[in-house]
PDB file of N, CA and C in Angstrom:
ATOM      1  N   UNK A   1     -73.608-118.934  90.959  1.00  0.00           N
ATOM      2  CA  UNK A   1     -73.838-117.745  90.171  1.00  0.00           C
ATOM      3  C   UNK A   1     -74.870-116.876  90.863  1.00  0.00           C
ATOM      4  N   UNK A   2     -74.641-115.603  90.849  1.00  0.00           N
ATOM      5  CA  UNK A   2     -75.558-114.642  91.453  1.00  0.00           C
ATOM      6  C   UNK A   2     -76.886-114.663  90.703  1.00  0.00           C
ATOM      7  N   UNK A   3     -77.995-114.721  91.445  1.00  0.00           N
ATOM      8  CA  UNK A   3     -79.320-114.763  90.844  1.00  0.00           C
ATOM      9  C   UNK A   3     -79.609-113.569  89.959  1.00  0.00           C
ATOM     10  N   UNK A   4     -78.991-112.438  90.228  1.00  0.00           N
ATOM     11  CA  UNK A   4     -79.215-111.240  89.422  1.00  0.00           C
ATOM     12  C   UNK A   4     -78.683-111.412  88.006  1.00  0.00           C
ATOM     13  N   UNK A   5     -77.803-112.366  87.802  1.00  0.00           N
ATOM     14  CA  UNK A   5     -77.230-112.566  86.484  1.00  0.00           C
ATOM     15  C   UNK A   5     -77.900-113.691  85.712  1.00  0.00           C
ATOM     16  N   UNK A   6     -78.953-114.255  86.273  1.00  0.00           N
ATOM     17  CA  UNK A   6     -79.694-115.309  85.584  1.00  0.00           C
ATOM     18  C   UNK A   6     -80.999-114.718  85.061  1.00  0.00           C
ATOM     19  N   UNK A   7     -81.076-114.560  83.766  1.00  0.00           N
ATOM     20  CA  UNK A   7     -82.256-113.989  83.132  1.00  0.00           C
ATOM     21  C   UNK A   7     -82.727-114.976  82.072  1.00  0.00           C
ATOM     22  N   UNK A   8     -84.008-115.322  82.110  1.00  0.00           N
ATOM     23  CA  UNK A   8     -84.567-116.254  81.136  1.00  0.00           C
ATOM     24  C   UNK A   8     -86.024-115.896  80.879  1.00  0.00           C
ATOM     25  N   UNK A   9     -86.531-116.350  79.769  1.00  0.00           N
ATOM     26  CA  UNK A   9     -87.936-116.121  79.443  1.00  0.00           C
ATOM     27  C   UNK A   9     -88.748-117.328  79.898  1.00  0.00           C
ATOM     28  N   UNK A  10     -89.945-117.074  80.449  1.00  0.00           N
ATOM     29  CA  UNK A  10     -90.790-118.163  80.968  1.00  0.00           C
ATOM     30  C   UNK A  10     -91.586-118.868  79.877  1.00  0.00           C
ATOM     31  N   UNK A  11     -91.884-118.231  78.810  1.00  0.00           N
ATOM     32  CA  UNK A  11     -92.697-118.793  77.732  1.00  0.00           C
ATOM     33  C   UNK A  11     -94.087-119.200  78.232  1.00  0.00           C
ATOM     34  N   UNK A  12     -94.719-118.318  79.004  1.00  0.00           N
ATOM     35  CA  UNK A  12     -96.058-118.603  79.543  1.00  0.00           C
ATOM     36  C   UNK A  12     -97.054-118.985  78.453  1.00  0.00           C
ATOM     37  N   UNK A  13     -97.093-118.200  77.392  1.00  0.00           N
ATOM     38  CA  UNK A  13     -98.051-118.459  76.321  1.00  0.00           C
ATOM     39  C   UNK A  13     -97.876-119.867  75.764  1.00  0.00           C
ATOM     40  N   UNK A  14     -96.638-120.289  75.556  1.00  0.00           N
ATOM     41  CA  UNK A  14     -96.398-121.618  74.994  1.00  0.00           C
ATOM     42  C   UNK A  14     -96.744-122.726  75.983  1.00  0.00           C
ATOM     43  N   UNK A  15     -96.466-122.496  77.260  1.00  0.00           N
ATOM     44  CA  UNK A  15     -96.861-123.478  78.275  1.00  0.00           C
ATOM     45  C   UNK A  15     -98.376-123.655  78.271  1.00  0.00           C
ATOM     46  N   UNK A  16     -99.096-122.530  78.293  1.00  0.00           N
ATOM     47  CA  UNK A  16    -100.551-122.592  78.326  1.00  0.00           C
ATOM     48  C   UNK A  16    -101.096-123.217  77.051  1.00  0.00           C
ATOM     49  N   UNK A  17    -100.504-122.872  75.946  1.00  0.00           N
ATOM     50  CA  UNK A  17    -100.955-123.450  74.671  1.00  0.00           C
ATOM     51  C   UNK A  17    -100.786-124.976  74.673  1.00  0.00           C
ATOM     52  N   UNK A  18     -99.666-125.449  75.173  1.00  0.00           N
ATOM     53  CA  UNK A  18     -99.432-126.900  75.244  1.00  0.00           C
ATOM     54  C   UNK A  18    -100.415-127.562  76.213  1.00  0.00           C
ATOM     55  N   UNK A  19    -100.685-126.905  77.339  1.00  0.00           N
ATOM     56  CA  UNK A  19    -101.650-127.455  78.299  1.00  0.00           C
ATOM     57  C   UNK A  19    -103.059-127.500  77.707  1.00  0.00           C
ATOM     58  N   UNK A  20    -103.435-126.478  76.964  1.00  0.00           N
ATOM     59  CA  UNK A  20    -104.754-126.466  76.323  1.00  0.00           C
ATOM     60  C   UNK A  20    -104.858-127.539  75.246  1.00  0.00           C
ATOM     61  N   UNK A  21    -103.769-127.750  74.525  1.00  0.00           N
ATOM     62  CA  UNK A  21    -103.746-128.826  73.531  1.00  0.00           C
ATOM     63  C   UNK A  21    -103.977-130.176  74.215  1.00  0.00           C
ATOM     64  N   UNK A  22    -103.274-130.383  75.316  1.00  0.00           N
ATOM     65  CA  UNK A  22    -103.411-131.637  76.068  1.00  0.00           C
ATOM     66  C   UNK A  22    -104.841-131.795  76.595  1.00  0.00           C
ATOM     67  N   UNK A  23    -105.424-130.701  77.079  1.00  0.00           N
ATOM     68  CA  UNK A  23    -106.799-130.752  77.577  1.00  0.00           C
ATOM     69  C   UNK A  23    -107.765-131.132  76.456  1.00  0.00           C
ATOM     70  N   UNK A  24    -107.511-130.641  75.256  1.00  0.00           N
ATOM     71  CA  UNK A  24    -108.378-130.976  74.128  1.00  0.00           C
ATOM     72  C   UNK A  24    -108.252-132.452  73.751  1.00  0.00           C
ATOM     73  N   UNK A  25    -107.043-132.986  73.840  1.00  0.00           N
ATOM     74  CA  UNK A  25    -106.846-134.421  73.582  1.00  0.00           C
ATOM     75  C   UNK A  25    -107.689-135.235  74.562  1.00  0.00           C
ATOM     76  N   UNK A  26    -107.654-134.839  75.831  1.00  0.00           N
ATOM     77  CA  UNK A  26    -108.424-135.570  76.850  1.00  0.00           C
ATOM     78  C   UNK A  26    -109.926-135.374  76.658  1.00  0.00           C
ATOM     79  N   UNK A  27    -110.351-134.195  76.242  1.00  0.00           N
ATOM     80  CA  UNK A  27    -111.773-133.951  75.979  1.00  0.00           C
ATOM     81  C   UNK A  27    -112.267-134.825  74.829  1.00  0.00           C
ATOM     82  N   UNK A  28    -111.405-135.025  73.846  1.00  0.00           N
ATOM     83  CA  UNK A  28    -111.753-135.892  72.721  1.00  0.00           C
ATOM     84  C   UNK A  28    -111.956-137.338  73.195  1.00  0.00           C
ATOM     85  N   UNK A  29    -111.068-137.796  74.052  1.00  0.00           N
ATOM     86  CA  UNK A  29    -111.205-139.146  74.601  1.00  0.00           C
ATOM     87  C   UNK A  29    -112.489-139.237  75.422  1.00  0.00           C
ATOM     88  N   UNK A  30    -112.782-138.202  76.191  1.00  0.00           N
ATOM     89  CA  UNK A  30    -114.006-138.175  76.996  1.00  0.00           C
ATOM     90  C   UNK A  30    -115.247-138.299  76.104  1.00  0.00           C
ATOM     91  N   UNK A  31    -115.247-137.582  74.970  1.00  0.00           N
ATOM     92  CA  UNK A  31    -116.362-137.665  74.027  1.00  0.00           C
ATOM     93  C   UNK A  31    -116.478-139.069  73.447  1.00  0.00           C
ATOM     94  N   UNK A  32    -115.346-139.666  73.096  1.00  0.00           N
ATOM     95  CA  UNK A  32    -115.361-141.018  72.527  1.00  0.00           C
ATOM     96  C   UNK A  32    -115.888-142.024  73.544  1.00  0.00           C
ATOM     97  N   UNK A  33    -115.468-141.876  74.793  1.00  0.00           N
ATOM     98  CA  UNK A  33    -115.966-142.771  75.838  1.00  0.00           C
ATOM     99  C   UNK A  33    -117.473-142.592  76.035  1.00  0.00           C
ATOM    100  N   UNK A  34    -117.928-141.356  76.047  1.00  0.00           N
ATOM    101  CA  UNK A  34    -119.354-141.088  76.202  1.00  0.00           C
ATOM    102  C   UNK A  34    -120.182-141.697  75.089  1.00  0.00           C
ATOM    103  N   UNK A  35    -119.718-141.538  73.852  1.00  0.00           N
ATOM    104  CA  UNK A  35    -120.432-142.113  72.706  1.00  0.00           C
ATOM    105  C   UNK A  35    -120.437-143.634  72.777  1.00  0.00           C
ATOM    106  N   UNK A  36    -119.314-144.198  73.165  1.00  0.00           N
ATOM    107  CA  UNK A  36    -119.209-145.648  73.286  1.00  0.00           C
ATOM    108  C   UNK A  36    -120.147-146.166  74.371  1.00  0.00           C
ATOM    109  N   UNK A  37    -120.172-145.474  75.493  1.00  0.00           N
ATOM    110  CA  UNK A  37    -121.041-145.874  76.601  1.00  0.00           C
ATOM    111  C   UNK A  37    -122.514-145.830  76.194  1.00  0.00           C
ATOM    112  N   UNK A  38    -122.909-144.777  75.491  1.00  0.00           N
ATOM    113  CA  UNK A  38    -124.318-144.622  75.089  1.00  0.00           C
ATOM    114  C   UNK A  38    -124.747-145.646  74.060  1.00  0.00           C
ATOM    115  N   UNK A  39    -123.790-146.147  73.295  1.00  0.00           N
ATOM    116  CA  UNK A  39    -124.131-147.083  72.216  1.00  0.00           C
ATOM    117  C   UNK A  39    -124.413-148.502  72.712  1.00  0.00           C
ATOM    118  N   UNK A  40    -124.133-148.791  73.958  1.00  0.00           N
ATOM    119  CA  UNK A  40    -124.323-150.150  74.464  1.00  0.00           C
ATOM    120  C   UNK A  40    -125.710-150.326  75.077  1.00  0.00           C
ATOM    121  N   UNK A  41    -126.381-151.411  74.711  1.00  0.00           N
ATOM    122  CA  UNK A  41    -127.732-151.632  75.254  1.00  0.00           C
ATOM    123  C   UNK A  41    -127.715-151.925  76.766  1.00  0.00           C
ATOM    124  N   UNK A  42    -126.719-152.661  77.211  1.00  0.00           N
ATOM    125  CA  UNK A  42    -126.567-152.957  78.638  1.00  0.00           C
ATOM    126  C   UNK A  42    -125.243-152.342  79.077  1.00  0.00           C
ATOM    127  N   UNK A  43    -125.325-151.432  80.005  1.00  0.00           N
ATOM    128  CA  UNK A  43    -124.130-150.676  80.384  1.00  0.00           C
ATOM    129  C   UNK A  43    -123.453-151.300  81.606  1.00  0.00           C
ATOM    130  N   UNK A  44    -122.772-152.415  81.366  1.00  0.00           N
ATOM    131  CA  UNK A  44    -122.098-153.108  82.468  1.00  0.00           C
ATOM    132  C   UNK A  44    -120.864-152.377  82.962  1.00  0.00           C
ATOM    133  N   UNK A  45    -120.323-151.467  82.171  1.00  0.00           N
ATOM    134  CA  UNK A  45    -119.097-150.759  82.552  1.00  0.00           C
ATOM    135  C   UNK A  45    -119.278-149.979  83.851  1.00  0.00           C
ATOM    136  N   UNK A  46    -120.503-149.550  84.137  1.00  0.00           N
ATOM    137  CA  UNK A  46    -120.741-148.799  85.363  1.00  0.00           C
ATOM    138  C   UNK A  46    -120.753-149.693  86.598  1.00  0.00           C
ATOM    139  N   UNK A  47    -121.149-150.929  86.421  1.00  0.00           N
ATOM    140  CA  UNK A  47    -121.281-151.804  87.584  1.00  0.00           C
ATOM    141  C   UNK A  47    -120.135-152.790  87.744  1.00  0.00           C
ATOM    142  N   UNK A  48    -119.424-153.097  86.664  1.00  0.00           N
ATOM    143  CA  UNK A  48    -118.364-154.085  86.781  1.00  0.00           C
ATOM    144  C   UNK A  48    -117.296-153.891  85.713  1.00  0.00           C
ATOM    145  N   UNK A  49    -116.167-153.381  86.114  1.00  0.00           N
ATOM    146  CA  UNK A  49    -115.046-153.252  85.192  1.00  0.00           C
ATOM    147  C   UNK A  49    -114.610-154.624  84.711  1.00  0.00           C
ATOM    148  N   UNK A  50    -114.640-155.594  85.579  1.00  0.00           N
ATOM    149  CA  UNK A  50    -114.197-156.949  85.224  1.00  0.00           C
ATOM    150  C   UNK A  50    -115.115-157.607  84.200  1.00  0.00           C
ATOM    151  N   UNK A  51    -116.392-157.301  84.270  1.00  0.00           N
ATOM    152  CA  UNK A  51    -117.341-157.904  83.330  1.00  0.00           C
ATOM    153  C   UNK A  51    -117.404-157.151  81.998  1.00  0.00           C
ATOM    154  N   UNK A  52    -116.813-155.992  81.938  1.00  0.00           N
ATOM    155  CA  UNK A  52    -116.842-155.191  80.715  1.00  0.00           C
ATOM    156  C   UNK A  52    -115.912-155.808  79.684  1.00  0.00           C
ATOM    157  N   UNK A  53    -116.477-156.298  78.594  1.00  0.00           N
ATOM    158  CA  UNK A  53    -115.691-156.956  77.554  1.00  0.00           C
ATOM    159  C   UNK A  53    -115.426-156.050  76.354  1.00  0.00           C
ATOM    160  N   UNK A  54    -115.753-154.780  76.480  1.00  0.00           N
ATOM    161  CA  UNK A  54    -115.572-153.860  75.375  1.00  0.00           C
ATOM    162  C   UNK A  54    -114.107-153.433  75.293  1.00  0.00           C
ATOM    163  N   UNK A  55    -113.402-153.967  74.299  1.00  0.00           N
ATOM    164  CA  UNK A  55    -111.975-153.688  74.133  1.00  0.00           C
ATOM    165  C   UNK A  55    -111.706-152.239  73.718  1.00  0.00           C
ATOM    166  N   UNK A  56    -112.639-151.656  72.964  1.00  0.00           N
ATOM    167  CA  UNK A  56    -112.470-150.255  72.573  1.00  0.00           C
ATOM    168  C   UNK A  56    -112.446-149.355  73.807  1.00  0.00           C
ATOM    169  N   UNK A  57    -113.328-149.626  74.767  1.00  0.00           N
ATOM    170  CA  UNK A  57    -113.357-148.824  75.989  1.00  0.00           C
ATOM    171  C   UNK A  57    -112.072-149.021  76.785  1.00  0.00           C
ATOM    172  N   UNK A  58    -111.621-150.249  76.873  1.00  0.00           N
ATOM    173  CA  UNK A  58    -110.364-150.509  77.602  1.00  0.00           C
ATOM    174  C   UNK A  58    -109.198-149.742  76.973  1.00  0.00           C
ATOM    175  N   UNK A  59    -109.145-149.754  75.644  1.00  0.00           N
ATOM    176  CA  UNK A  59    -108.060-149.039  74.958  1.00  0.00           C
ATOM    177  C   UNK A  59    -108.174-147.531  75.191  1.00  0.00           C
ATOM    178  N   UNK A  60    -109.400-147.004  75.128  1.00  0.00           N
ATOM    179  CA  UNK A  60    -109.583-145.575  75.373  1.00  0.00           C
ATOM    180  C   UNK A  60    -109.202-145.203  76.800  1.00  0.00           C
ATOM    181  N   UNK A  61    -109.564-146.047  77.750  1.00  0.00           N
ATOM    182  CA  UNK A  61    -109.218-145.774  79.147  1.00  0.00           C
ATOM    183  C   UNK A  61    -107.709-145.841  79.372  1.00  0.00           C
ATOM    184  N   UNK A  62    -107.043-146.762  78.701  1.00  0.00           N
ATOM    185  CA  UNK A  62    -105.580-146.832  78.801  1.00  0.00           C
ATOM    186  C   UNK A  62    -104.942-145.587  78.188  1.00  0.00           C
ATOM    187  N   UNK A  63    -105.482-145.159  77.050  1.00  0.00           N
ATOM    188  CA  UNK A  63    -104.974-143.939  76.423  1.00  0.00           C
ATOM    189  C   UNK A  63    -105.220-142.741  77.340  1.00  0.00           C
ATOM    190  N   UNK A  64    -106.398-142.703  77.956  1.00  0.00           N
ATOM    191  CA  UNK A  64    -106.720-141.617  78.872  1.00  0.00           C
ATOM    192  C   UNK A  64    -105.748-141.579  80.050  1.00  0.00           C
ATOM    193  N   UNK A  65    -105.403-142.748  80.585  1.00  0.00           N
ATOM    194  CA  UNK A  65    -104.435-142.800  81.687  1.00  0.00           C
ATOM    195  C   UNK A  65    -103.104-142.178  81.272  1.00  0.00           C
ATOM    196  N   UNK A  66    -102.643-142.505  80.072  1.00  0.00           N
ATOM    197  CA  UNK A  66    -101.377-141.937  79.579  1.00  0.00           C
ATOM    198  C   UNK A  66    -101.485-140.425  79.411  1.00  0.00           C
ATOM    199  N   UNK A  67    -102.602-139.980  78.843  1.00  0.00           N
ATOM    200  CA  UNK A  67    -102.786-138.546  78.611  1.00  0.00           C
ATOM    201  C   UNK A  67    -102.917-137.779  79.929  1.00  0.00           C
ATOM    202  N   UNK A  68    -103.605-138.351  80.902  1.00  0.00           N
ATOM    203  CA  UNK A  68    -103.714-137.702  82.212  1.00  0.00           C
ATOM    204  C   UNK A  68    -102.344-137.578  82.866  1.00  0.00           C
ATOM    205  N   UNK A  69    -101.531-138.615  82.740  1.00  0.00           N
ATOM    206  CA  UNK A  69    -100.185-138.578  83.313  1.00  0.00           C
ATOM    207  C   UNK A  69     -99.353-137.482  82.643  1.00  0.00           C
ATOM    208  N   UNK A  70     -99.427-137.405  81.327  1.00  0.00           N
ATOM    209  CA  UNK A  70     -98.707-136.366  80.591  1.00  0.00           C
ATOM    210  C   UNK A  70     -99.170-134.981  81.028  1.00  0.00           C
ATOM    211  N   UNK A  71    -100.487-134.813  81.147  1.00  0.00           N
ATOM    212  CA  UNK A  71    -101.050-133.527  81.554  1.00  0.00           C
ATOM    213  C   UNK A  71    -100.614-133.152  82.971  1.00  0.00           C
ATOM    214  N   UNK A  72    -100.725-134.093  83.887  1.00  0.00           N
ATOM    215  CA  UNK A  72    -100.351-133.816  85.273  1.00  0.00           C
ATOM    216  C   UNK A  72     -98.871-133.460  85.394  1.00  0.00           C
ATOM    217  N   UNK A  73     -98.030-134.171  84.668  1.00  0.00           N
ATOM    218  CA  UNK A  73     -96.597-133.876  84.701  1.00  0.00           C
ATOM    219  C   UNK A  73     -96.313-132.485  84.145  1.00  0.00           C
ATOM    220  N   UNK A  74     -96.994-132.115  83.058  1.00  0.00           N
ATOM    221  CA  UNK A  74     -96.795-130.786  82.473  1.00  0.00           C
ATOM    222  C   UNK A  74     -97.259-129.698  83.437  1.00  0.00           C
ATOM    223  N   UNK A  75     -98.389-129.909  84.090  1.00  0.00           N
ATOM    224  CA  UNK A  75     -98.875-128.937  85.077  1.00  0.00           C
ATOM    225  C   UNK A  75     -97.890-128.786  86.234  1.00  0.00           C
ATOM    226  N   UNK A  76     -97.382-129.904  86.716  1.00  0.00           N
ATOM    227  CA  UNK A  76     -96.443-129.856  87.842  1.00  0.00           C
ATOM    228  C   UNK A  76     -95.112-129.209  87.450  1.00  0.00           C
ATOM    229  N   UNK A  77     -94.700-129.399  86.206  1.00  0.00           N
ATOM    230  CA  UNK A  77     -93.465-128.757  85.736  1.00  0.00           C
ATOM    231  C   UNK A  77     -93.657-127.255  85.569  1.00  0.00           C
ATOM    232  N   UNK A  78     -94.823-126.847  85.057  1.00  0.00           N
ATOM    233  CA  UNK A  78     -95.043-125.430  84.774  1.00  0.00           C
ATOM    234  C   UNK A  78     -95.356-124.621  86.032  1.00  0.00           C
ATOM    235  N   UNK A  79     -96.005-125.211  86.998  1.00  0.00           N
ATOM    236  CA  UNK A  79     -96.433-124.451  88.178  1.00  0.00           C
ATOM    237  C   UNK A  79     -95.281-123.708  88.864  1.00  0.00           C
ATOM    238  N   UNK A  80     -94.131-124.338  89.134  1.00  0.00           N
ATOM    239  CA  UNK A  80     -93.035-123.581  89.758  1.00  0.00           C
ATOM    240  C   UNK A  80     -92.485-122.480  88.838  1.00  0.00           C
ATOM    241  N   UNK A  81     -92.484-122.715  87.545  1.00  0.00           N
ATOM    242  CA  UNK A  81     -92.010-121.701  86.603  1.00  0.00           C
ATOM    243  C   UNK A  81     -92.949-120.496  86.652  1.00  0.00           C
ATOM    244  N   UNK A  82     -94.241-120.764  86.693  1.00  0.00           N
ATOM    245  CA  UNK A  82     -95.255-119.708  86.733  1.00  0.00           C
ATOM    246  C   UNK A  82     -95.099-118.833  87.977  1.00  0.00           C
ATOM    247  N   UNK A  83     -94.615-119.414  89.060  1.00  0.00           N
ATOM    248  CA  UNK A  83     -94.495-118.689  90.320  1.00  0.00           C
ATOM    249  C   UNK A  83     -93.200-117.898  90.460  1.00  0.00           C
ATOM    250  N   UNK A  84     -92.282-118.043  89.509  1.00  0.00           N
ATOM    251  CA  UNK A  84     -91.025-117.297  89.579  1.00  0.00           C
ATOM    252  C   UNK A  84     -91.298-115.799  89.490  1.00  0.00           C
ATOM    253  N   UNK A  85     -90.573-115.046  90.290  1.00  0.00           N
ATOM    254  CA  UNK A  85     -90.732-113.589  90.273  1.00  0.00           C
ATOM    255  C   UNK A  85     -90.112-113.023  88.997  1.00  0.00           C
ATOM    256  N   UNK A  86     -90.762-112.017  88.416  1.00  0.00           N
ATOM    257  CA  UNK A  86     -90.179-111.386  87.225  1.00  0.00           C
ATOM    258  C   UNK A  86     -88.835-110.739  87.553  1.00  0.00           C
ATOM    259  N   UNK A  87     -87.992-110.647  86.554  1.00  0.00           N
ATOM    260  CA  UNK A  87     -86.701-109.982  86.698  1.00  0.00           C
ATOM    261  C   UNK A  87     -86.942-108.497  86.949  1.00  0.00           C
ATOM    262  N   UNK A  88     -86.276-107.958  87.943  1.00  0.00           N
ATOM    263  CA  UNK A  88     -86.420-106.517  88.215  1.00  0.00           C
ATOM    264  C   UNK A  88     -85.660-105.732  87.159  1.00  0.00           C
ATOM    265  N   UNK A  89     -86.056-104.477  87.001  1.00  0.00           N
ATOM    266  CA  UNK A  89     -85.355-103.596  86.055  1.00  0.00           C
ATOM    267  C   UNK A  89     -83.881-103.478  86.436  1.00  0.00           C
ATOM    268  N   UNK A  90     -83.608-103.422  87.728  1.00  0.00           N
ATOM    269  CA  UNK A  90     -82.223-103.305  88.197  1.00  0.00           C
ATOM    270  C   UNK A  90     -81.406-104.527  87.790  1.00  0.00           C
ATOM    271  N   UNK A  91     -81.972-105.725  88.026  1.00  0.00           N
ATOM    272  CA  UNK A  91     -81.263-106.946  87.628  1.00  0.00           C
ATOM    273  C   UNK A  91     -81.084-106.998  86.119  1.00  0.00           C
ATOM    274  N   UNK A  92     -82.137-106.599  85.409  1.00  0.00           N
ATOM    275  CA  UNK A  92     -82.077-106.619  83.948  1.00  0.00           C
ATOM    276  C   UNK A  92     -80.942-105.725  83.446  1.00  0.00           C
ATOM    277  N   UNK A  93     -80.871-104.535  83.981  1.00  0.00           N
ATOM    278  CA  UNK A  93     -79.826-103.615  83.515  1.00  0.00           C
ATOM    279  C   UNK A  93     -78.459-103.959  84.089  1.00  0.00           C
ATOM    280  N   UNK A  94     -78.414-104.662  85.218  1.00  0.00           N
ATOM    281  CA  UNK A  94     -77.121-104.983  85.824  1.00  0.00           C
ATOM    282  C   UNK A  94     -76.282-105.916  84.967  1.00  0.00           C
ATOM    283  N   UNK A  95     -76.913-106.685  84.135  1.00  0.00           N
ATOM    284  CA  UNK A  95     -76.146-107.549  83.233  1.00  0.00           C
ATOM    285  C   UNK A  95     -76.049-106.941  81.843  1.00  0.00           C
ATOM    286  N   UNK A  96     -76.496-105.705  81.729  1.00  0.00           N
ATOM    287  CA  UNK A  96     -76.380-104.920  80.495  1.00  0.00           C
ATOM    288  C   UNK A  96     -77.110-105.539  79.321  1.00  0.00           C
ATOM    289  N   UNK A  97     -78.087-106.391  79.626  1.00  0.00           N
ATOM    290  CA  UNK A  97     -78.838-106.986  78.520  1.00  0.00           C
ATOM    291  C   UNK A  97     -79.634-105.912  77.796  1.00  0.00           C
ATOM    292  N   UNK A  98     -80.198-104.989  78.568  1.00  0.00           N
ATOM    293  CA  UNK A  98     -80.981-103.928  77.946  1.00  0.00           C
ATOM    294  C   UNK A  98     -80.195-103.182  76.896  1.00  0.00           C
ATOM    295  N   UNK A  99     -78.959-102.801  77.212  1.00  0.00           N
ATOM    296  CA  UNK A  99     -78.168-102.061  76.233  1.00  0.00           C
ATOM    297  C   UNK A  99     -77.738-102.952  75.082  1.00  0.00           C
ATOM    298  N   UNK A 100     -77.473-104.228  75.336  1.00  0.00           N
ATOM    299  CA  UNK A 100     -77.095-105.120  74.246  1.00  0.00           C
ATOM    300  C   UNK A 100     -78.251-105.291  73.278  1.00  0.00           C
ATOM    301  N   UNK A 101     -79.464-105.384  73.807  1.00  0.00           N
ATOM    302  CA  UNK A 101     -80.635-105.526  72.942  1.00  0.00           C
ATOM    303  C   UNK A 101     -80.833-104.249  72.125  1.00  0.00           C
ATOM    304  N   UNK A 102     -80.722-103.106  72.771  1.00  0.00           N
ATOM    305  CA  UNK A 102     -80.895-101.834  72.060  1.00  0.00           C
ATOM    306  C   UNK A 102     -79.835-101.645  70.979  1.00  0.00           C
ATOM    307  N   UNK A 103     -78.616-102.112  71.230  1.00  0.00           N
ATOM    308  CA  UNK A 103     -77.519-101.947  70.266  1.00  0.00           C
ATOM    309  C   UNK A 103     -77.475-103.053  69.221  1.00  0.00           C
ATOM    310  N   UNK A 104     -78.418-103.982  69.302  1.00  0.00           N
ATOM    311  CA  UNK A 104     -78.504-105.094  68.340  1.00  0.00           C
ATOM    312  C   UNK A 104     -77.254-105.957  68.329  1.00  0.00           C
ATOM    313  N   UNK A 105     -76.566-106.072  69.462  1.00  0.00           N
ATOM    314  CA  UNK A 105     -75.368-106.902  69.499  1.00  0.00           C
ATOM    315  C   UNK A 105     -75.707-108.389  69.593  1.00  0.00           C
ATOM    316  N   UNK A 106     -76.985-108.693  69.881  1.00  0.00           N
ATOM    317  CA  UNK A 106     -77.447-110.080  69.847  1.00  0.00           C
ATOM    318  C   UNK A 106     -78.005-110.375  68.465  1.00  0.00           C
ATOM    319  N   UNK A 107     -78.086-111.627  68.155  1.00  0.00           N
ATOM    320  CA  UNK A 107     -78.803-112.029  66.950  1.00  0.00           C
ATOM    321  C   UNK A 107     -80.246-111.545  67.108  1.00  0.00           C
ATOM    322  N   UNK A 108     -80.869-111.123  66.035  1.00  0.00           N
ATOM    323  CA  UNK A 108     -82.194-110.501  66.109  1.00  0.00           C
ATOM    324  C   UNK A 108     -83.213-111.359  66.856  1.00  0.00           C
ATOM    325  N   UNK A 109     -83.288-112.647  66.593  1.00  0.00           N
ATOM    326  CA  UNK A 109     -84.277-113.495  67.256  1.00  0.00           C
ATOM    327  C   UNK A 109     -84.001-113.619  68.750  1.00  0.00           C
ATOM    328  N   UNK A 110     -82.769-113.763  69.129  1.00  0.00           N
ATOM    329  CA  UNK A 110     -82.429-113.845  70.551  1.00  0.00           C
ATOM    330  C   UNK A 110     -82.788-112.549  71.252  1.00  0.00           C
ATOM    331  N   UNK A 111     -82.567-111.434  70.585  1.00  0.00           N
ATOM    332  CA  UNK A 111     -82.897-110.134  71.166  1.00  0.00           C
ATOM    333  C   UNK A 111     -84.393-110.008  71.399  1.00  0.00           C
ATOM    334  N   UNK A 112     -85.197-110.519  70.469  1.00  0.00           N
ATOM    335  CA  UNK A 112     -86.651-110.400  70.639  1.00  0.00           C
ATOM    336  C   UNK A 112     -87.137-111.206  71.838  1.00  0.00           C
ATOM    337  N   UNK A 113     -86.511-112.301  72.142  1.00  0.00           N
ATOM    338  CA  UNK A 113     -86.868-113.089  73.317  1.00  0.00           C
ATOM    339  C   UNK A 113     -86.604-112.275  74.580  1.00  0.00           C
ATOM    340  N   UNK A 114     -85.492-111.594  74.613  1.00  0.00           N
ATOM    341  CA  UNK A 114     -85.113-110.862  75.815  1.00  0.00           C
ATOM    342  C   UNK A 114     -85.907-109.567  76.010  1.00  0.00           C
ATOM    343  N   UNK A 115     -86.657-109.148  75.003  1.00  0.00           N
ATOM    344  CA  UNK A 115     -87.510-107.967  75.161  1.00  0.00           C
ATOM    345  C   UNK A 115     -88.808-108.304  75.876  1.00  0.00           C
ATOM    346  N   UNK A 116     -89.067-109.564  76.111  1.00  0.00           N
ATOM    347  CA  UNK A 116     -90.324-109.981  76.728  1.00  0.00           C
ATOM    348  C   UNK A 116     -90.458-109.467  78.142  1.00  0.00           C
ATOM    349  N   UNK A 117     -91.671-109.055  78.547  1.00  0.00           N
ATOM    350  CA  UNK A 117     -91.869-108.616  79.939  1.00  0.00           C
ATOM    351  C   UNK A 117     -91.921-109.788  80.910  1.00  0.00           C
ATOM    352  N   UNK A 118     -91.917-111.012  80.405  1.00  0.00           N
ATOM    353  CA  UNK A 118     -92.046-112.190  81.265  1.00  0.00           C
ATOM    354  C   UNK A 118     -90.701-112.857  81.532  1.00  0.00           C
ATOM    355  N   UNK A 119     -89.677-112.089  81.785  1.00  0.00           N
ATOM    356  CA  UNK A 119     -88.378-112.669  82.100  1.00  0.00           C
ATOM    357  C   UNK A 119     -88.335-113.011  83.590  1.00  0.00           C
ATOM    358  N   UNK A 120     -87.661-114.073  83.900  1.00  0.00           N
ATOM    359  CA  UNK A 120     -87.516-114.495  85.297  1.00  0.00           C
ATOM    360  C   UNK A 120     -86.060-114.599  85.654  1.00  0.00           C
TER     361      UNK A 120
END
């Protein structure tokens, strides 16, 4: 299919919102780890992971590993989308989407998506 006929919305705002949500989840875990670390009279976690018997810390670190993986995957998925060039006016009009949107021949919600300046 000719690239000029492929028009889609990037949903930048939603990508960023999801990434910020994920960052907040990780910040919460970071706060919990910090509080847990400060509450211990002897902080063996810094010198020996093997000697650390605190199960709460182990669980938080395991959760953090999962959240970091989710975050990294989301960043890697979004980065190429973010770099896509916007649809040119010529390409946009070449598939007559502009006139279809103006004539309301699309369902109203679908038309509002296509009015976005962030089409790729």
